[in-house]
Amino acid sequence: MEPFNPEPEPQFRPPVPAPQSTTSRVSDRLIVPHAPVQPRESFREIAVKVHIRRPERDSWVYLGRAMVSQEVTGQSSRVVVRAVSSQKIIAIFSEISDLQADKRGNFVVIGCVEGSRVISWSLNALNNSETLRLLASIELACYKCKQALADPRLHNKSRRKIERVIKDDRRRRHRRRKDQDSMVDAFARQNLGEPME
């Protein structure tokens, strides 16, 4: 008589996935974006009033109304200031410009260094938002990214030189203004001291 051999209990096995077809259509492999890609918004021109202060001068000269635009060429860009009346280019600021830009109220004051001379530009925008956009555009267009990547030490040295020249020019202007005020005061005291006929 043969011994009784009970059947072994069935072990749990994970279900085998159904075989998939090795062929698929091209449309099945395409990745459909969730949202359409929007083209980059073109730069909106900024209306400004332009003043200039030439080297060795202490007063600003009004040049008129202008429109500021940003022109992009490849990886670089430049900021162009054009007169409204004549469409003549008043100024161009780009990566080759040695300048420092500051925001003062609704004005962007730009000090351009040419050797030891400083030419100052004042661009008066309509409101604070436009002024911030103008300042950002100028800083972006004039940032010397190639120099900063290739030689950071030379880039920092160049920035410090620009700051130093602009600071020296400001100091000279303040000294001239103080001397003029002193001369005016001295002249006024001299006239007051003279007896009237």
Protein backbone atom coordinates (compact mmCIF):
# COMPACT_ATOMS: atom_id res chain seq x y z
CA MET A 1 0.00 0.00 0.00
CA GLU A 2 1.41 3.39 -1.04
CA PRO A 3 1.84 6.08 1.64
CA PHE A 4 -0.57 8.96 1.59
CA ASN A 5 1.06 12.12 0.16
CA PRO A 6 -1.13 15.15 0.59
CA GLU A 7 -0.80 17.76 -2.11
CA PRO A 8 1.40 20.69 -1.04
CA GLU A 9 -0.38 23.93 -0.28
CA PRO A 10 -0.20 26.33 -3.23
CA GLN A 11 2.28 29.17 -2.65
CA PHE A 12 1.35 32.78 -3.36
CA ARG A 13 2.83 34.10 -6.58
CA PRO A 14 2.41 37.67 -7.88
CA PRO A 15 0.34 37.91 -11.01
CA VAL A 16 2.38 37.97 -14.18
CA PRO A 17 1.68 41.07 -16.24
CA ALA A 18 0.12 40.43 -19.57
CA PRO A 19 2.63 40.60 -22.42
CA GLN A 20 2.60 43.90 -24.23
CA SER A 21 2.91 44.29 -27.89
CA THR A 22 6.42 45.30 -28.99
CA THR A 23 5.02 47.44 -31.74
CA SER A 24 3.53 50.84 -30.97
CA ARG A 25 2.40 53.75 -32.98
CA VAL A 26 4.47 56.92 -33.22
CA SER A 27 1.66 58.94 -31.71
CA ASP A 28 1.80 56.77 -28.54
CA ARG A 29 5.42 57.80 -27.92
CA LEU A 30 4.88 61.55 -28.34
CA ILE A 31 4.94 63.68 -25.18
CA VAL A 32 2.07 66.10 -25.20
CA PRO A 33 2.83 69.26 -23.19
CA HIS A 34 0.31 70.25 -20.55
CA ALA A 35 0.23 73.86 -21.74
CA PRO A 36 1.33 75.47 -24.97
CA VAL A 37 4.70 77.22 -24.80
CA GLN A 38 4.21 80.96 -24.97
CA PRO A 39 6.76 83.06 -26.90
CA ARG A 40 8.83 85.46 -24.80
CA GLU A 41 7.11 88.79 -24.36
CA SER A 42 8.72 91.50 -26.44
CA PHE A 43 10.22 94.44 -24.58
CA ARG A 44 7.71 97.22 -24.08
CA GLU A 45 9.17 100.65 -24.75
CA ILE A 46 9.49 103.04 -21.81
CA ALA A 47 8.71 106.73 -22.14
CA VAL A 48 11.24 108.98 -20.40
CA LYS A 49 12.42 112.58 -20.11
CA VAL A 50 16.16 112.86 -20.74
CA HIS A 51 18.67 115.17 -19.05
CA ILE A 52 22.45 115.16 -19.50
CA ARG A 53 25.28 116.52 -17.37
CA ARG A 54 28.46 116.82 -19.38
CA PRO A 55 31.99 116.49 -17.95
CA GLU A 56 33.16 119.35 -15.71
CA ARG A 57 29.62 120.77 -15.65
CA ASP A 58 27.47 120.99 -12.55
CA SER A 59 24.05 121.64 -14.10
CA TRP A 60 21.73 119.34 -16.02
CA VAL A 61 20.61 120.12 -19.58
CA TYR A 62 17.17 118.95 -20.74
CA LEU A 63 17.27 117.05 -24.06
CA GLY A 64 13.56 116.28 -24.42
CA ARG A 65 11.26 113.27 -24.40
CA ALA A 66 12.49 109.88 -25.58
CA MET A 67 11.55 106.21 -25.82
CA VAL A 68 13.79 103.52 -24.36
CA SER A 69 13.90 100.15 -26.12
CA GLN A 70 15.93 96.98 -25.62
CA GLU A 71 17.45 95.35 -28.70
CA VAL A 72 18.56 91.71 -28.38
CA THR A 73 21.21 90.22 -30.67
CA GLY A 74 22.11 86.61 -29.94
CA GLN A 75 23.15 86.35 -26.28
CA SER A 76 23.72 90.09 -25.82
CA SER A 77 21.43 93.09 -25.69
CA ARG A 78 21.64 96.86 -25.63
CA VAL A 79 19.40 99.66 -24.40
CA VAL A 80 18.70 102.38 -26.96
CA VAL A 81 17.33 105.84 -26.13
CA ARG A 82 15.61 107.55 -29.11
CA ALA A 83 14.18 111.05 -29.28
CA VAL A 84 10.40 111.05 -29.77
CA SER A 85 10.38 114.00 -32.17
CA SER A 86 13.23 113.06 -34.52
CA GLN A 87 13.72 109.31 -33.80
CA LYS A 88 17.41 110.16 -33.51
CA ILE A 89 19.45 107.93 -31.18
CA ILE A 90 20.45 109.94 -28.11
CA ALA A 91 22.35 107.24 -26.22
CA ILE A 92 23.17 103.53 -26.31
CA PHE A 93 24.03 101.46 -23.23
CA SER A 94 25.52 97.99 -23.71
CA GLU A 95 28.04 95.51 -22.34
CA ILE A 96 30.94 97.64 -23.57
CA SER A 97 29.71 100.65 -21.56
CA ASP A 98 31.58 101.46 -18.34
CA LEU A 99 28.74 102.77 -16.23
CA GLN A 100 26.94 102.74 -12.93
CA ALA A 101 23.15 103.10 -12.74
CA ASP A 102 21.20 104.21 -9.64
CA LYS A 103 17.51 104.72 -8.92
CA ARG A 104 16.52 108.03 -7.36
CA GLY A 105 12.76 108.33 -7.05
CA ASN A 106 11.35 108.02 -10.57
CA PHE A 107 14.76 108.83 -12.06
CA VAL A 108 17.49 106.45 -13.22
CA VAL A 109 20.82 108.28 -13.05
CA ILE A 110 23.56 106.72 -15.17
CA GLY A 111 27.19 107.69 -14.78
CA CYS A 112 29.20 106.75 -17.91
CA VAL A 113 32.97 106.68 -17.44
CA GLU A 114 35.15 107.69 -20.40
CA GLY A 115 38.74 107.66 -19.19
CA SER A 116 38.81 110.10 -16.27
CA ARG A 117 35.64 111.93 -17.41
CA VAL A 118 32.07 111.17 -16.39
CA ILE A 119 29.00 111.85 -18.53
CA SER A 120 25.80 111.62 -16.49
CA TRP A 121 22.39 110.76 -17.90
CA SER A 122 19.09 111.18 -16.10
CA LEU A 123 16.09 109.22 -17.40
CA ASN A 124 12.81 110.20 -15.76
CA ALA A 125 10.14 107.49 -16.14
CA LEU A 126 6.41 107.85 -15.54
CA ASN A 127 6.13 105.84 -12.32
CA ASN A 128 8.01 103.60 -9.91
CA SER A 129 7.20 100.40 -11.82
CA GLU A 130 8.55 101.79 -15.10
CA THR A 131 11.63 103.13 -13.28
CA LEU A 132 12.42 99.70 -11.82
CA ARG A 133 11.94 98.06 -15.22
CA LEU A 134 14.22 100.66 -16.81
CA LEU A 135 16.94 100.11 -14.19
CA ALA A 136 16.74 96.33 -14.56
CA SER A 137 16.98 96.58 -18.36
CA ILE A 138 20.09 98.77 -18.19
CA GLU A 139 21.81 96.58 -15.60
CA LEU A 140 21.00 93.42 -17.58
CA ALA A 141 22.22 94.85 -20.90
CA CYS A 142 25.41 96.32 -19.42
CA TYR A 143 26.48 93.44 -17.18
CA LYS A 144 29.85 92.19 -18.42
CA CYS A 145 28.97 88.50 -18.12
CA LYS A 146 31.78 87.29 -20.41
CA GLN A 147 34.40 89.16 -18.40
CA ALA A 148 32.86 88.01 -15.10
CA LEU A 149 33.05 84.36 -16.19
CA ALA A 150 36.48 84.54 -17.84
CA ASP A 151 38.27 86.64 -15.21
CA PRO A 152 36.27 87.46 -12.03
CA ARG A 153 39.20 89.38 -10.49
CA LEU A 154 39.51 91.68 -13.52
CA HIS A 155 35.71 92.15 -13.50
CA ASN A 156 35.72 93.22 -9.83
CA LYS A 157 38.71 95.50 -10.45
CA SER A 158 36.91 97.15 -13.37
CA ARG A 159 33.75 97.69 -11.26
CA ARG A 160 35.77 99.27 -8.44
CA LYS A 161 37.53 101.60 -10.91
CA ILE A 162 34.17 102.79 -12.32
CA GLU A 163 32.85 103.42 -8.80
CA ARG A 164 36.03 105.31 -7.85
CA VAL A 165 35.98 107.59 -10.93
CA ILE A 166 32.28 108.43 -10.38
CA LYS A 167 32.89 109.10 -6.67
CA ASP A 168 35.85 111.40 -7.47
CA ASP A 169 33.73 113.28 -10.04
CA ARG A 170 30.96 113.74 -7.46
CA ARG A 171 33.49 115.00 -4.90
CA ARG A 172 34.87 117.56 -7.38
CA ARG A 173 31.35 118.78 -8.21
CA HIS A 174 30.50 119.21 -4.53
CA ARG A 175 33.75 121.10 -3.97
CA ARG A 176 33.03 123.44 -6.91
CA ARG A 177 29.51 124.06 -5.65
CA LYS A 178 30.81 124.79 -2.16
CA ASP A 179 33.41 127.22 -3.55
CA GLN A 180 30.73 128.98 -5.62
CA ASP A 181 28.47 129.30 -2.58
CA SER A 182 31.36 130.73 -0.57
CA MET A 183 32.11 133.29 -3.29
CA VAL A 184 28.44 134.33 -3.42
CA ASP A 185 28.34 134.74 0.37
CA ALA A 186 31.56 136.74 0.37
CA PHE A 187 30.29 139.00 -2.42
CA ALA A 188 26.99 139.55 -0.60
CA ARG A 189 28.78 140.45 2.66
CA GLN A 190 31.08 142.84 0.80
CA ASN A 191 28.12 144.64 -0.81
CA LEU A 192 26.26 144.85 2.51
CA GLY A 193 29.33 146.34 4.21
CA GLU A 194 29.71 149.17 1.71
CA PRO A 195 27.98 152.46 2.65
CA MET A 196 25.01 153.43 0.52
CA GLU A 197 25.26 156.74 -1.33
